[in-house]
Amino acid sequence: MFFDPVCPWAWLTSRWLLEAEKLRPIEVRFRIMSLSALNEGRTDIDLFYQRNIESWRKPVRVMMATEQRHGHDAVRALYTAVGTRKHVEGQRFGVGLYRAALAECGLPAELADAAGDASLDDAVRKSHQEGMQPVGLDVGTPTVHVHVPGADTVALFGPVVTPAPRGDDAARLWDGFLLMAQTPGFYELKRSRTRGPQIR
């Protein structure tokens, strides 16, 4: 799953995937994408996005530095620690949040300094492009790539769901998602959102 840690919808999808992982033979790996990279240079986007592009780079940089130095398992743990603080507890992104999350995961506190390291942005853009290339540029986060042995990798945007399904509901949604992902020529299934992300 390609995620941006600032996105509450991606957070909900990630919690669904981790729940489905308990009941289905899947292994979830979290990869980095960036709403800032997706929207940089655009003037046709909502003012909210325009105002936040620069600040949203910071938590993504921390994730990228963690991936580069400690690998995908560390990103998985850090995403849960950061996301719980941000999306569940309502804390603000910042050095204090990053350091507390890193400490929880047994990771070096200095990784929090990566928030201000613009040299990581090219690596973020590269990972972002790897996430978007197979699904197209007219979507955002989350993007889920499905790797099935003996078959081509397929990718879909979403699912966008609230609240995150649990137990058998999570497993059934995975079954349906996998069926859609493996259906040749399947592109889109959508309806208007009538409520915001329900996290707590």
N, C-alpha and C. Protein backbone atom coordinates (compact mmCIF):
# COMPACT_ATOMS: atom_id res chain seq x y z
N MET A 1 0.84 -1.18 0.00
CA MET A 1 0.00 0.00 0.00
C MET A 1 0.88 1.23 0.00
N PHE A 2 0.64 2.12 -0.94
CA PHE A 2 1.35 3.40 -1.00
C PHE A 2 0.53 4.43 -0.22
N PHE A 3 1.18 5.10 0.74
CA PHE A 3 0.46 5.98 1.65
C PHE A 3 1.21 7.28 1.85
N ASP A 4 0.45 8.31 2.19
CA ASP A 4 1.00 9.53 2.74
C ASP A 4 0.50 9.61 4.19
N PRO A 5 1.40 9.77 5.16
CA PRO A 5 0.96 9.73 6.55
C PRO A 5 -0.01 10.83 6.95
N VAL A 6 -0.14 11.87 6.13
CA VAL A 6 -1.07 12.94 6.50
C VAL A 6 -2.52 12.59 6.16
N CYS A 7 -2.75 11.57 5.34
CA CYS A 7 -4.09 11.31 4.80
C CYS A 7 -4.90 10.40 5.73
N PRO A 8 -6.02 10.89 6.27
CA PRO A 8 -6.83 10.04 7.15
C PRO A 8 -7.49 8.88 6.41
N TRP A 9 -7.78 9.06 5.13
CA TRP A 9 -8.38 7.97 4.35
C TRP A 9 -7.37 6.84 4.15
N ALA A 10 -6.12 7.20 3.91
CA ALA A 10 -5.08 6.17 3.80
C ALA A 10 -4.91 5.45 5.13
N TRP A 11 -5.00 6.17 6.22
CA TRP A 11 -4.90 5.55 7.54
C TRP A 11 -5.98 4.48 7.71
N LEU A 12 -7.21 4.81 7.35
CA LEU A 12 -8.30 3.85 7.49
C LEU A 12 -8.07 2.62 6.60
N THR A 13 -7.60 2.84 5.38
CA THR A 13 -7.31 1.72 4.49
C THR A 13 -6.20 0.85 5.06
N SER A 14 -5.20 1.48 5.64
CA SER A 14 -4.09 0.71 6.21
C SER A 14 -4.57 -0.15 7.38
N ARG A 15 -5.46 0.37 8.18
CA ARG A 15 -5.96 -0.41 9.32
C ARG A 15 -6.82 -1.58 8.83
N TRP A 16 -7.56 -1.36 7.75
CA TRP A 16 -8.32 -2.47 7.14
C TRP A 16 -7.39 -3.56 6.63
N LEU A 17 -6.33 -3.15 5.92
CA LEU A 17 -5.40 -4.14 5.38
C LEU A 17 -4.74 -4.96 6.48
N LEU A 18 -4.34 -4.30 7.55
CA LEU A 18 -3.71 -5.03 8.65
C LEU A 18 -4.69 -5.99 9.32
N GLU A 19 -5.95 -5.61 9.34
CA GLU A 19 -6.97 -6.51 9.87
C GLU A 19 -7.19 -7.69 8.94
N ALA A 20 -7.26 -7.42 7.63
CA ALA A 20 -7.44 -8.51 6.65
C ALA A 20 -6.25 -9.45 6.66
N GLU A 21 -5.07 -8.92 6.93
CA GLU A 21 -3.86 -9.73 6.97
C GLU A 21 -3.94 -10.83 8.03
N LYS A 22 -4.71 -10.60 9.08
CA LYS A 22 -4.87 -11.60 10.13
C LYS A 22 -5.68 -12.81 9.67
N LEU A 23 -6.53 -12.60 8.65
CA LEU A 23 -7.49 -13.63 8.26
C LEU A 23 -7.31 -14.16 6.84
N ARG A 24 -6.41 -13.55 6.09
CA ARG A 24 -6.18 -13.99 4.71
C ARG A 24 -4.68 -14.14 4.49
N PRO A 25 -4.26 -14.98 3.54
CA PRO A 25 -2.82 -15.21 3.31
C PRO A 25 -2.19 -14.07 2.53
N ILE A 26 -2.13 -12.92 3.16
CA ILE A 26 -1.54 -11.75 2.52
C ILE A 26 -0.46 -11.18 3.43
N GLU A 27 0.48 -10.48 2.82
CA GLU A 27 1.53 -9.77 3.57
C GLU A 27 1.49 -8.33 3.13
N VAL A 28 1.23 -7.44 4.06
CA VAL A 28 1.09 -6.02 3.75
C VAL A 28 2.44 -5.33 3.91
N ARG A 29 2.82 -4.60 2.87
CA ARG A 29 4.04 -3.78 2.93
C ARG A 29 3.63 -2.35 2.63
N PHE A 30 4.12 -1.43 3.43
CA PHE A 30 3.79 -0.02 3.25
C PHE A 30 4.91 0.69 2.52
N ARG A 31 4.51 1.41 1.46
CA ARG A 31 5.44 2.20 0.64
C ARG A 31 4.99 3.65 0.67
N ILE A 32 5.89 4.53 0.35
CA ILE A 32 5.67 5.96 0.52
C ILE A 32 5.21 6.62 -0.77
N MET A 33 4.14 7.38 -0.66
CA MET A 33 3.75 8.31 -1.72
C MET A 33 3.61 9.68 -1.07
N SER A 34 3.30 10.69 -1.85
CA SER A 34 3.28 12.04 -1.30
C SER A 34 2.22 12.89 -1.97
N LEU A 35 1.29 13.38 -1.16
CA LEU A 35 0.30 14.33 -1.68
C LEU A 35 0.97 15.62 -2.12
N SER A 36 2.08 15.97 -1.48
CA SER A 36 2.82 17.16 -1.90
C SER A 36 3.41 16.97 -3.28
N ALA A 37 4.01 15.79 -3.53
CA ALA A 37 4.55 15.50 -4.87
C ALA A 37 3.43 15.44 -5.89
N LEU A 38 2.30 14.87 -5.51
CA LEU A 38 1.17 14.76 -6.43
C LEU A 38 0.66 16.13 -6.86
N ASN A 39 0.67 17.08 -5.94
CA ASN A 39 0.02 18.37 -6.19
C ASN A 39 0.97 19.53 -6.41
N GLU A 40 2.30 19.30 -6.33
CA GLU A 40 3.21 20.43 -6.47
C GLU A 40 3.11 21.02 -7.88
N GLY A 41 3.12 22.34 -7.92
CA GLY A 41 3.06 23.06 -9.19
C GLY A 41 1.67 23.20 -9.77
N ARG A 42 0.66 22.60 -9.13
CA ARG A 42 -0.70 22.68 -9.65
C ARG A 42 -1.43 23.88 -9.07
N THR A 43 -2.22 24.54 -9.91
CA THR A 43 -3.02 25.67 -9.46
C THR A 43 -4.51 25.35 -9.51
N ASP A 44 -4.83 24.15 -9.98
CA ASP A 44 -6.24 23.78 -10.13
C ASP A 44 -6.75 22.94 -8.97
N ILE A 45 -6.05 23.00 -7.84
CA ILE A 45 -6.43 22.19 -6.68
C ILE A 45 -7.03 23.07 -5.59
N ASP A 46 -7.73 22.44 -4.68
CA ASP A 46 -8.35 23.13 -3.55
C ASP A 46 -7.32 23.96 -2.80
N LEU A 47 -7.75 25.14 -2.30
CA LEU A 47 -6.85 26.03 -1.57
C LEU A 47 -6.24 25.35 -0.35
N PHE A 48 -6.98 24.46 0.28
CA PHE A 48 -6.49 23.72 1.44
C PHE A 48 -5.23 22.94 1.07
N TYR A 49 -5.25 22.28 -0.09
CA TYR A 49 -4.08 21.53 -0.54
C TYR A 49 -2.93 22.48 -0.86
N GLN A 50 -3.24 23.58 -1.54
CA GLN A 50 -2.19 24.52 -1.90
C GLN A 50 -1.47 25.06 -0.67
N ARG A 51 -2.21 25.32 0.40
CA ARG A 51 -1.63 25.89 1.61
C ARG A 51 -0.77 24.89 2.37
N ASN A 52 -1.04 23.61 2.20
CA ASN A 52 -0.39 22.59 3.03
C ASN A 52 0.71 21.79 2.34
N ILE A 53 0.94 22.05 1.05
CA ILE A 53 1.90 21.24 0.31
C ILE A 53 3.26 21.20 1.00
N GLU A 54 3.76 22.35 1.43
CA GLU A 54 5.11 22.38 2.02
C GLU A 54 5.15 21.70 3.38
N SER A 55 4.17 21.96 4.23
CA SER A 55 4.19 21.35 5.57
C SER A 55 3.99 19.84 5.50
N TRP A 56 3.26 19.37 4.50
CA TRP A 56 3.01 17.93 4.37
C TRP A 56 4.25 17.16 3.93
N ARG A 57 5.25 17.84 3.43
CA ARG A 57 6.48 17.14 3.04
C ARG A 57 7.21 16.56 4.26
N LYS A 58 7.05 17.18 5.41
CA LYS A 58 7.87 16.84 6.57
C LYS A 58 7.64 15.43 7.10
N PRO A 59 6.40 15.01 7.39
CA PRO A 59 6.24 13.63 7.88
C PRO A 59 6.63 12.58 6.84
N VAL A 60 6.46 12.91 5.56
CA VAL A 60 6.86 11.96 4.51
C VAL A 60 8.37 11.79 4.49
N ARG A 61 9.09 12.88 4.71
CA ARG A 61 10.56 12.80 4.76
C ARG A 61 11.02 11.90 5.90
N VAL A 62 10.36 12.00 7.05
CA VAL A 62 10.73 11.14 8.18
C VAL A 62 10.52 9.67 7.81
N MET A 63 9.41 9.39 7.12
CA MET A 63 9.16 8.02 6.68
C MET A 63 10.22 7.56 5.68
N MET A 64 10.61 8.43 4.76
CA MET A 64 11.61 8.06 3.75
C MET A 64 12.97 7.81 4.39
N ALA A 65 13.37 8.66 5.31
CA ALA A 65 14.65 8.45 5.99
C ALA A 65 14.62 7.12 6.75
N THR A 66 13.49 6.80 7.34
CA THR A 66 13.36 5.53 8.06
C THR A 66 13.47 4.36 7.10
N GLU A 67 12.81 4.46 5.94
CA GLU A 67 12.90 3.38 4.95
C GLU A 67 14.34 3.20 4.47
N GLN A 68 15.02 4.29 4.18
CA GLN A 68 16.38 4.21 3.65
C GLN A 68 17.35 3.59 4.65
N ARG A 69 17.18 3.89 5.92
CA ARG A 69 18.15 3.46 6.93
C ARG A 69 17.76 2.18 7.66
N HIS A 70 16.46 1.89 7.69
CA HIS A 70 16.01 0.76 8.52
C HIS A 70 15.05 -0.19 7.82
N GLY A 71 14.62 0.13 6.60
CA GLY A 71 13.84 -0.82 5.82
C GLY A 71 12.33 -0.73 6.00
N HIS A 72 11.64 -1.61 5.25
CA HIS A 72 10.18 -1.56 5.18
C HIS A 72 9.50 -1.94 6.49
N ASP A 73 10.07 -2.86 7.24
CA ASP A 73 9.45 -3.25 8.51
C ASP A 73 9.42 -2.07 9.48
N ALA A 74 10.47 -1.27 9.45
CA ALA A 74 10.52 -0.09 10.31
C ALA A 74 9.47 0.93 9.89
N VAL A 75 9.27 1.08 8.57
CA VAL A 75 8.24 2.00 8.08
C VAL A 75 6.86 1.54 8.55
N ARG A 76 6.62 0.24 8.46
CA ARG A 76 5.33 -0.30 8.91
C ARG A 76 5.07 0.05 10.38
N ALA A 77 6.06 -0.18 11.22
CA ALA A 77 5.89 0.12 12.65
C ALA A 77 5.74 1.61 12.90
N LEU A 78 6.55 2.41 12.19
CA LEU A 78 6.51 3.85 12.41
C LEU A 78 5.20 4.45 11.91
N TYR A 79 4.69 3.95 10.80
CA TYR A 79 3.41 4.44 10.30
C TYR A 79 2.31 4.24 11.35
N THR A 80 2.30 3.08 11.98
CA THR A 80 1.30 2.83 13.02
C THR A 80 1.50 3.78 14.20
N ALA A 81 2.75 3.97 14.62
CA ALA A 81 3.01 4.84 15.77
C ALA A 81 2.68 6.30 15.46
N VAL A 82 3.08 6.78 14.28
CA VAL A 82 2.79 8.15 13.88
C VAL A 82 1.29 8.33 13.65
N GLY A 83 0.69 7.39 12.91
CA GLY A 83 -0.73 7.51 12.58
C GLY A 83 -1.63 7.46 13.78
N THR A 84 -1.29 6.65 14.75
CA THR A 84 -2.09 6.58 15.98
C THR A 84 -2.08 7.93 16.69
N ARG A 85 -0.90 8.52 16.77
CA ARG A 85 -0.81 9.83 17.43
C ARG A 85 -1.56 10.91 16.66
N LYS A 86 -1.41 10.90 15.33
CA LYS A 86 -2.03 11.95 14.52
C LYS A 86 -3.53 11.72 14.33
N HIS A 87 -3.89 10.56 13.82
CA HIS A 87 -5.28 10.35 13.39
C HIS A 87 -6.20 9.90 14.51
N VAL A 88 -5.68 9.14 15.46
CA VAL A 88 -6.52 8.66 16.56
C VAL A 88 -6.53 9.64 17.72
N GLU A 89 -5.34 10.10 18.11
CA GLU A 89 -5.23 10.96 19.29
C GLU A 89 -5.33 12.44 18.96
N GLY A 90 -5.23 12.80 17.67
CA GLY A 90 -5.38 14.19 17.28
C GLY A 90 -4.19 15.09 17.54
N GLN A 91 -2.99 14.50 17.71
CA GLN A 91 -1.79 15.31 17.91
C GLN A 91 -1.39 15.98 16.60
N ARG A 92 -0.65 17.05 16.72
CA ARG A 92 -0.14 17.75 15.54
C ARG A 92 1.19 17.15 15.10
N PHE A 93 1.39 17.12 13.78
CA PHE A 93 2.69 16.71 13.29
C PHE A 93 3.75 17.68 13.80
N GLY A 94 4.89 17.15 14.14
CA GLY A 94 5.98 17.98 14.61
C GLY A 94 7.06 17.10 15.22
N VAL A 95 8.17 17.71 15.59
CA VAL A 95 9.32 16.96 16.08
C VAL A 95 8.94 16.13 17.31
N GLY A 96 8.11 16.68 18.19
CA GLY A 96 7.72 15.95 19.38
C GLY A 96 6.97 14.67 19.04
N LEU A 97 6.04 14.76 18.10
CA LEU A 97 5.31 13.56 17.67
C LEU A 97 6.26 12.56 17.05
N TYR A 98 7.13 13.02 16.16
CA TYR A 98 8.05 12.10 15.48
C TYR A 98 8.96 11.40 16.49
N ARG A 99 9.51 12.15 17.42
CA ARG A 99 10.44 11.56 18.39
C ARG A 99 9.74 10.53 19.27
N ALA A 100 8.52 10.82 19.70
CA ALA A 100 7.78 9.88 20.54
C ALA A 100 7.47 8.60 19.76
N ALA A 101 7.08 8.76 18.50
CA ALA A 101 6.76 7.60 17.67
C ALA A 101 8.02 6.77 17.39
N LEU A 102 9.12 7.44 17.10
CA LEU A 102 10.38 6.74 16.85
C LEU A 102 10.82 5.98 18.09
N ALA A 103 10.70 6.59 19.25
CA ALA A 103 11.08 5.93 20.49
C ALA A 103 10.23 4.68 20.73
N GLU A 104 8.94 4.79 20.44
CA GLU A 104 8.05 3.63 20.59
C GLU A 104 8.51 2.47 19.73
N CYS A 105 9.05 2.77 18.56
CA CYS A 105 9.47 1.74 17.61
C CYS A 105 10.93 1.31 17.81
N GLY A 106 11.61 1.90 18.78
CA GLY A 106 13.01 1.57 18.99
C GLY A 106 13.92 2.10 17.92
N LEU A 107 13.51 3.19 17.27
CA LEU A 107 14.30 3.80 16.19
C LEU A 107 15.01 5.04 16.69
N PRO A 108 16.13 5.42 16.05
CA PRO A 108 16.90 6.57 16.52
C PRO A 108 16.11 7.87 16.47
N ALA A 109 16.21 8.64 17.54
CA ALA A 109 15.48 9.90 17.63
C ALA A 109 15.89 10.90 16.55
N GLU A 110 17.14 10.80 16.08
CA GLU A 110 17.61 11.78 15.08
C GLU A 110 16.89 11.65 13.74
N LEU A 111 16.18 10.55 13.53
CA LEU A 111 15.38 10.46 12.30
C LEU A 111 14.33 11.55 12.23
N ALA A 112 13.94 12.10 13.36
CA ALA A 112 12.97 13.20 13.37
C ALA A 112 13.51 14.42 12.64
N ASP A 113 14.83 14.58 12.63
CA ASP A 113 15.45 15.72 11.96
C ASP A 113 15.26 15.67 10.45
N ALA A 114 14.94 14.49 9.93
CA ALA A 114 14.72 14.35 8.49
C ALA A 114 13.55 15.19 8.00
N ALA A 115 12.66 15.60 8.90
CA ALA A 115 11.51 16.42 8.51
C ALA A 115 11.95 17.68 7.76
N GLY A 116 13.11 18.20 8.12
CA GLY A 116 13.60 19.42 7.47
C GLY A 116 14.61 19.18 6.38
N ASP A 117 14.81 17.95 5.97
CA ASP A 117 15.85 17.59 5.01
C ASP A 117 15.28 17.49 3.59
N ALA A 118 15.37 18.58 2.85
CA ALA A 118 14.81 18.62 1.49
C ALA A 118 15.55 17.70 0.53
N SER A 119 16.74 17.24 0.90
CA SER A 119 17.48 16.33 0.01
C SER A 119 16.76 14.99 -0.14
N LEU A 120 15.82 14.69 0.74
CA LEU A 120 15.05 13.44 0.65
C LEU A 120 13.92 13.52 -0.36
N ASP A 121 13.62 14.72 -0.85
CA ASP A 121 12.43 14.90 -1.69
C ASP A 121 12.52 14.14 -3.01
N ASP A 122 13.71 14.01 -3.56
CA ASP A 122 13.84 13.26 -4.82
C ASP A 122 13.51 11.79 -4.60
N ALA A 123 13.97 11.23 -3.49
CA ALA A 123 13.65 9.82 -3.17
C ALA A 123 12.16 9.66 -2.94
N VAL A 124 11.55 10.65 -2.30
CA VAL A 124 10.09 10.62 -2.10
C VAL A 124 9.38 10.63 -3.45
N ARG A 125 9.81 11.52 -4.34
CA ARG A 125 9.18 11.60 -5.66
C ARG A 125 9.32 10.28 -6.42
N LYS A 126 10.49 9.65 -6.31
CA LYS A 126 10.70 8.38 -6.99
C LYS A 126 9.76 7.31 -6.48
N SER A 127 9.64 7.20 -5.16
CA SER A 127 8.72 6.22 -4.57
C SER A 127 7.29 6.54 -4.96
N HIS A 128 6.95 7.82 -4.94
CA HIS A 128 5.62 8.27 -5.34
C HIS A 128 5.31 7.84 -6.77
N GLN A 129 6.26 8.05 -7.66
CA GLN A 129 6.06 7.67 -9.06
C GLN A 129 5.88 6.17 -9.22
N GLU A 130 6.62 5.39 -8.44
CA GLU A 130 6.47 3.93 -8.49
C GLU A 130 5.08 3.52 -8.04
N GLY A 131 4.51 4.26 -7.10
CA GLY A 131 3.17 3.96 -6.65
C GLY A 131 2.10 4.36 -7.64
N MET A 132 2.32 5.47 -8.34
CA MET A 132 1.30 6.01 -9.22
C MET A 132 1.35 5.44 -10.63
N GLN A 133 2.53 5.08 -11.09
CA GLN A 133 2.69 4.69 -12.50
C GLN A 133 1.70 3.61 -12.95
N PRO A 134 1.51 2.53 -12.19
CA PRO A 134 0.61 1.49 -12.69
C PRO A 134 -0.87 1.80 -12.51
N VAL A 135 -1.20 2.87 -11.78
CA VAL A 135 -2.62 3.15 -11.53
C VAL A 135 -3.08 4.44 -12.20
N GLY A 136 -2.15 5.30 -12.58
CA GLY A 136 -2.52 6.54 -13.25
C GLY A 136 -2.34 7.74 -12.35
N LEU A 137 -2.38 8.91 -12.94
CA LEU A 137 -2.10 10.14 -12.21
C LEU A 137 -3.35 10.89 -11.76
N ASP A 138 -4.53 10.37 -12.03
CA ASP A 138 -5.75 11.08 -11.65
C ASP A 138 -6.34 10.55 -10.35
N VAL A 139 -5.50 9.92 -9.52
CA VAL A 139 -5.92 9.43 -8.21
C VAL A 139 -4.93 9.91 -7.17
N GLY A 140 -5.15 9.53 -5.92
CA GLY A 140 -4.25 9.95 -4.85
C GLY A 140 -3.91 8.78 -3.95
N THR A 141 -3.99 9.02 -2.65
CA THR A 141 -3.67 7.99 -1.68
C THR A 141 -4.95 7.58 -0.95
N PRO A 142 -5.13 6.30 -0.69
CA PRO A 142 -4.18 5.21 -0.84
C PRO A 142 -4.23 4.56 -2.21
N THR A 143 -3.12 3.99 -2.60
CA THR A 143 -3.03 3.15 -3.78
C THR A 143 -2.51 1.79 -3.34
N VAL A 144 -3.21 0.74 -3.75
CA VAL A 144 -2.85 -0.61 -3.34
C VAL A 144 -2.39 -1.39 -4.56
N HIS A 145 -1.18 -1.94 -4.49
CA HIS A 145 -0.65 -2.81 -5.52
C HIS A 145 -0.80 -4.24 -5.05
N VAL A 146 -1.33 -5.09 -5.89
CA VAL A 146 -1.54 -6.49 -5.53
C VAL A 146 -0.58 -7.35 -6.32
N HIS A 147 0.29 -8.07 -5.60
CA HIS A 147 1.27 -8.95 -6.20
C HIS A 147 0.82 -10.39 -5.95
N VAL A 148 0.43 -11.07 -7.00
CA VAL A 148 0.00 -12.46 -6.90
C VAL A 148 1.01 -13.32 -7.64
N PRO A 149 1.56 -14.36 -7.00
CA PRO A 149 2.54 -15.21 -7.69
C PRO A 149 2.00 -15.73 -9.01
N GLY A 150 2.83 -15.61 -10.05
CA GLY A 150 2.45 -16.11 -11.37
C GLY A 150 1.53 -15.19 -12.15
N ALA A 151 1.26 -14.00 -11.64
CA ALA A 151 0.38 -13.06 -12.33
C ALA A 151 1.01 -11.68 -12.35
N ASP A 152 0.53 -10.85 -13.26
CA ASP A 152 1.02 -9.47 -13.31
C ASP A 152 0.54 -8.70 -12.08
N THR A 153 1.37 -7.77 -11.63
CA THR A 153 0.96 -6.88 -10.54
C THR A 153 -0.12 -5.94 -11.05
N VAL A 154 -1.15 -5.77 -10.25
CA VAL A 154 -2.20 -4.82 -10.59
C VAL A 154 -2.32 -3.81 -9.46
N ALA A 155 -2.81 -2.63 -9.79
CA ALA A 155 -2.92 -1.56 -8.80
C ALA A 155 -4.25 -0.86 -8.94
N LEU A 156 -4.81 -0.48 -7.80
CA LEU A 156 -6.07 0.27 -7.77
C LEU A 156 -5.96 1.38 -6.73
N PHE A 157 -6.64 2.46 -6.96
CA PHE A 157 -6.81 3.49 -5.94
C PHE A 157 -7.87 3.01 -4.95
N GLY A 158 -7.59 3.24 -3.67
CA GLY A 158 -8.56 2.86 -2.65
C GLY A 158 -8.28 1.48 -2.11
N PRO A 159 -9.25 0.88 -1.42
CA PRO A 159 -10.60 1.43 -1.22
C PRO A 159 -10.62 2.57 -0.20
N VAL A 160 -11.52 3.50 -0.45
CA VAL A 160 -11.78 4.58 0.49
C VAL A 160 -12.99 4.14 1.30
N VAL A 161 -12.78 3.89 2.59
CA VAL A 161 -13.83 3.29 3.41
C VAL A 161 -13.77 3.84 4.83
N THR A 162 -14.94 4.02 5.42
CA THR A 162 -15.00 4.47 6.80
C THR A 162 -16.22 3.90 7.50
N PRO A 163 -16.08 3.41 8.72
CA PRO A 163 -14.82 3.19 9.42
C PRO A 163 -14.07 2.00 8.83
N ALA A 164 -12.87 1.75 9.30
CA ALA A 164 -12.09 0.61 8.81
C ALA A 164 -12.78 -0.69 9.21
N PRO A 165 -13.09 -1.57 8.25
CA PRO A 165 -13.73 -2.83 8.60
C PRO A 165 -12.85 -3.70 9.49
N ARG A 166 -13.50 -4.46 10.35
CA ARG A 166 -12.80 -5.35 11.28
C ARG A 166 -13.25 -6.79 11.08
N GLY A 167 -12.44 -7.72 11.53
CA GLY A 167 -12.81 -9.13 11.54
C GLY A 167 -13.23 -9.65 10.18
N ASP A 168 -14.31 -10.41 10.16
CA ASP A 168 -14.78 -11.02 8.92
C ASP A 168 -15.15 -9.98 7.87
N ASP A 169 -15.61 -8.80 8.31
CA ASP A 169 -15.92 -7.73 7.34
C ASP A 169 -14.67 -7.30 6.59
N ALA A 170 -13.55 -7.22 7.30
CA ALA A 170 -12.29 -6.86 6.66
C ALA A 170 -11.87 -7.93 5.67
N ALA A 171 -12.02 -9.19 6.04
CA ALA A 171 -11.65 -10.30 5.16
C ALA A 171 -12.51 -10.31 3.90
N ARG A 172 -13.80 -10.09 4.07
CA ARG A 172 -14.70 -10.10 2.90
C ARG A 172 -14.40 -8.95 1.96
N LEU A 173 -14.08 -7.77 2.52
CA LEU A 173 -13.72 -6.64 1.66
C LEU A 173 -12.45 -6.96 0.89
N TRP A 174 -11.49 -7.62 1.53
CA TRP A 174 -10.28 -8.02 0.81
C TRP A 174 -10.62 -8.96 -0.34
N ASP A 175 -11.50 -9.93 -0.09
CA ASP A 175 -11.88 -10.87 -1.14
C ASP A 175 -12.46 -10.14 -2.35
N GLY A 176 -13.34 -9.17 -2.07
CA GLY A 176 -13.93 -8.39 -3.16
C GLY A 176 -12.92 -7.52 -3.87
N PHE A 177 -12.04 -6.90 -3.10
CA PHE A 177 -11.00 -6.06 -3.68
C PHE A 177 -10.09 -6.88 -4.59
N LEU A 178 -9.70 -8.06 -4.11
CA LEU A 178 -8.83 -8.93 -4.91
C LEU A 178 -9.52 -9.36 -6.19
N LEU A 179 -10.81 -9.66 -6.11
CA LEU A 179 -11.57 -10.05 -7.30
C LEU A 179 -11.58 -8.92 -8.32
N MET A 180 -11.83 -7.70 -7.87
CA MET A 180 -11.83 -6.56 -8.79
C MET A 180 -10.45 -6.34 -9.38
N ALA A 181 -9.43 -6.43 -8.52
CA ALA A 181 -8.07 -6.18 -9.00
C ALA A 181 -7.64 -7.17 -10.06
N GLN A 182 -8.15 -8.40 -9.97
CA GLN A 182 -7.74 -9.45 -10.91
C GLN A 182 -8.69 -9.59 -12.10
N THR A 183 -9.67 -8.70 -12.19
CA THR A 183 -10.60 -8.73 -13.33
C THR A 183 -10.04 -7.87 -14.46
N PRO A 184 -9.68 -8.47 -15.60
CA PRO A 184 -9.12 -7.69 -16.71
C PRO A 184 -10.09 -6.59 -17.14
N GLY A 185 -9.56 -5.41 -17.33
CA GLY A 185 -10.38 -4.30 -17.80
C GLY A 185 -11.17 -3.60 -16.73
N PHE A 186 -11.06 -4.03 -15.48
CA PHE A 186 -11.79 -3.32 -14.41
C PHE A 186 -11.05 -2.03 -14.08
N TYR A 187 -11.78 -0.90 -14.07
CA TYR A 187 -11.15 0.39 -13.82
C TYR A 187 -11.72 1.15 -12.64
N GLU A 188 -13.02 1.19 -12.49
CA GLU A 188 -13.55 2.14 -11.51
C GLU A 188 -14.88 1.68 -10.95
N LEU A 189 -15.04 1.95 -9.65
CA LEU A 189 -16.30 1.73 -8.94
C LEU A 189 -16.35 2.81 -7.88
N LYS A 190 -17.36 3.68 -7.93
CA LYS A 190 -17.32 4.85 -7.05
C LYS A 190 -18.71 5.37 -6.74
N ARG A 191 -18.83 5.97 -5.55
CA ARG A 191 -20.03 6.74 -5.21
C ARG A 191 -19.59 7.94 -4.38
N SER A 192 -20.44 8.96 -4.29
CA SER A 192 -20.09 10.17 -3.55
C SER A 192 -19.98 9.89 -2.07
N ARG A 193 -19.01 10.52 -1.43
CA ARG A 193 -18.84 10.38 0.01
C ARG A 193 -19.92 11.20 0.72
N THR A 194 -20.53 10.60 1.70
CA THR A 194 -21.56 11.30 2.48
C THR A 194 -21.12 11.59 3.90
N ARG A 195 -19.94 11.14 4.28
CA ARG A 195 -19.41 11.41 5.61
C ARG A 195 -17.88 11.39 5.57
N GLY A 196 -17.31 12.04 6.53
CA GLY A 196 -15.86 12.09 6.62
C GLY A 196 -15.28 10.86 7.27
N PRO A 197 -13.96 10.80 7.40
CA PRO A 197 -13.32 9.62 7.99
C PRO A 197 -13.70 9.46 9.46
N GLN A 198 -14.17 8.27 9.81
CA GLN A 198 -14.52 7.95 11.20
C GLN A 198 -13.40 7.08 11.79
N ILE A 199 -12.59 7.69 12.61
CA ILE A 199 -11.39 7.03 13.09
C ILE A 199 -11.51 6.64 14.56
N ARG A 200 -12.02 7.51 15.37
CA ARG A 200 -12.04 7.23 16.81
C ARG A 200 -13.25 6.40 17.20
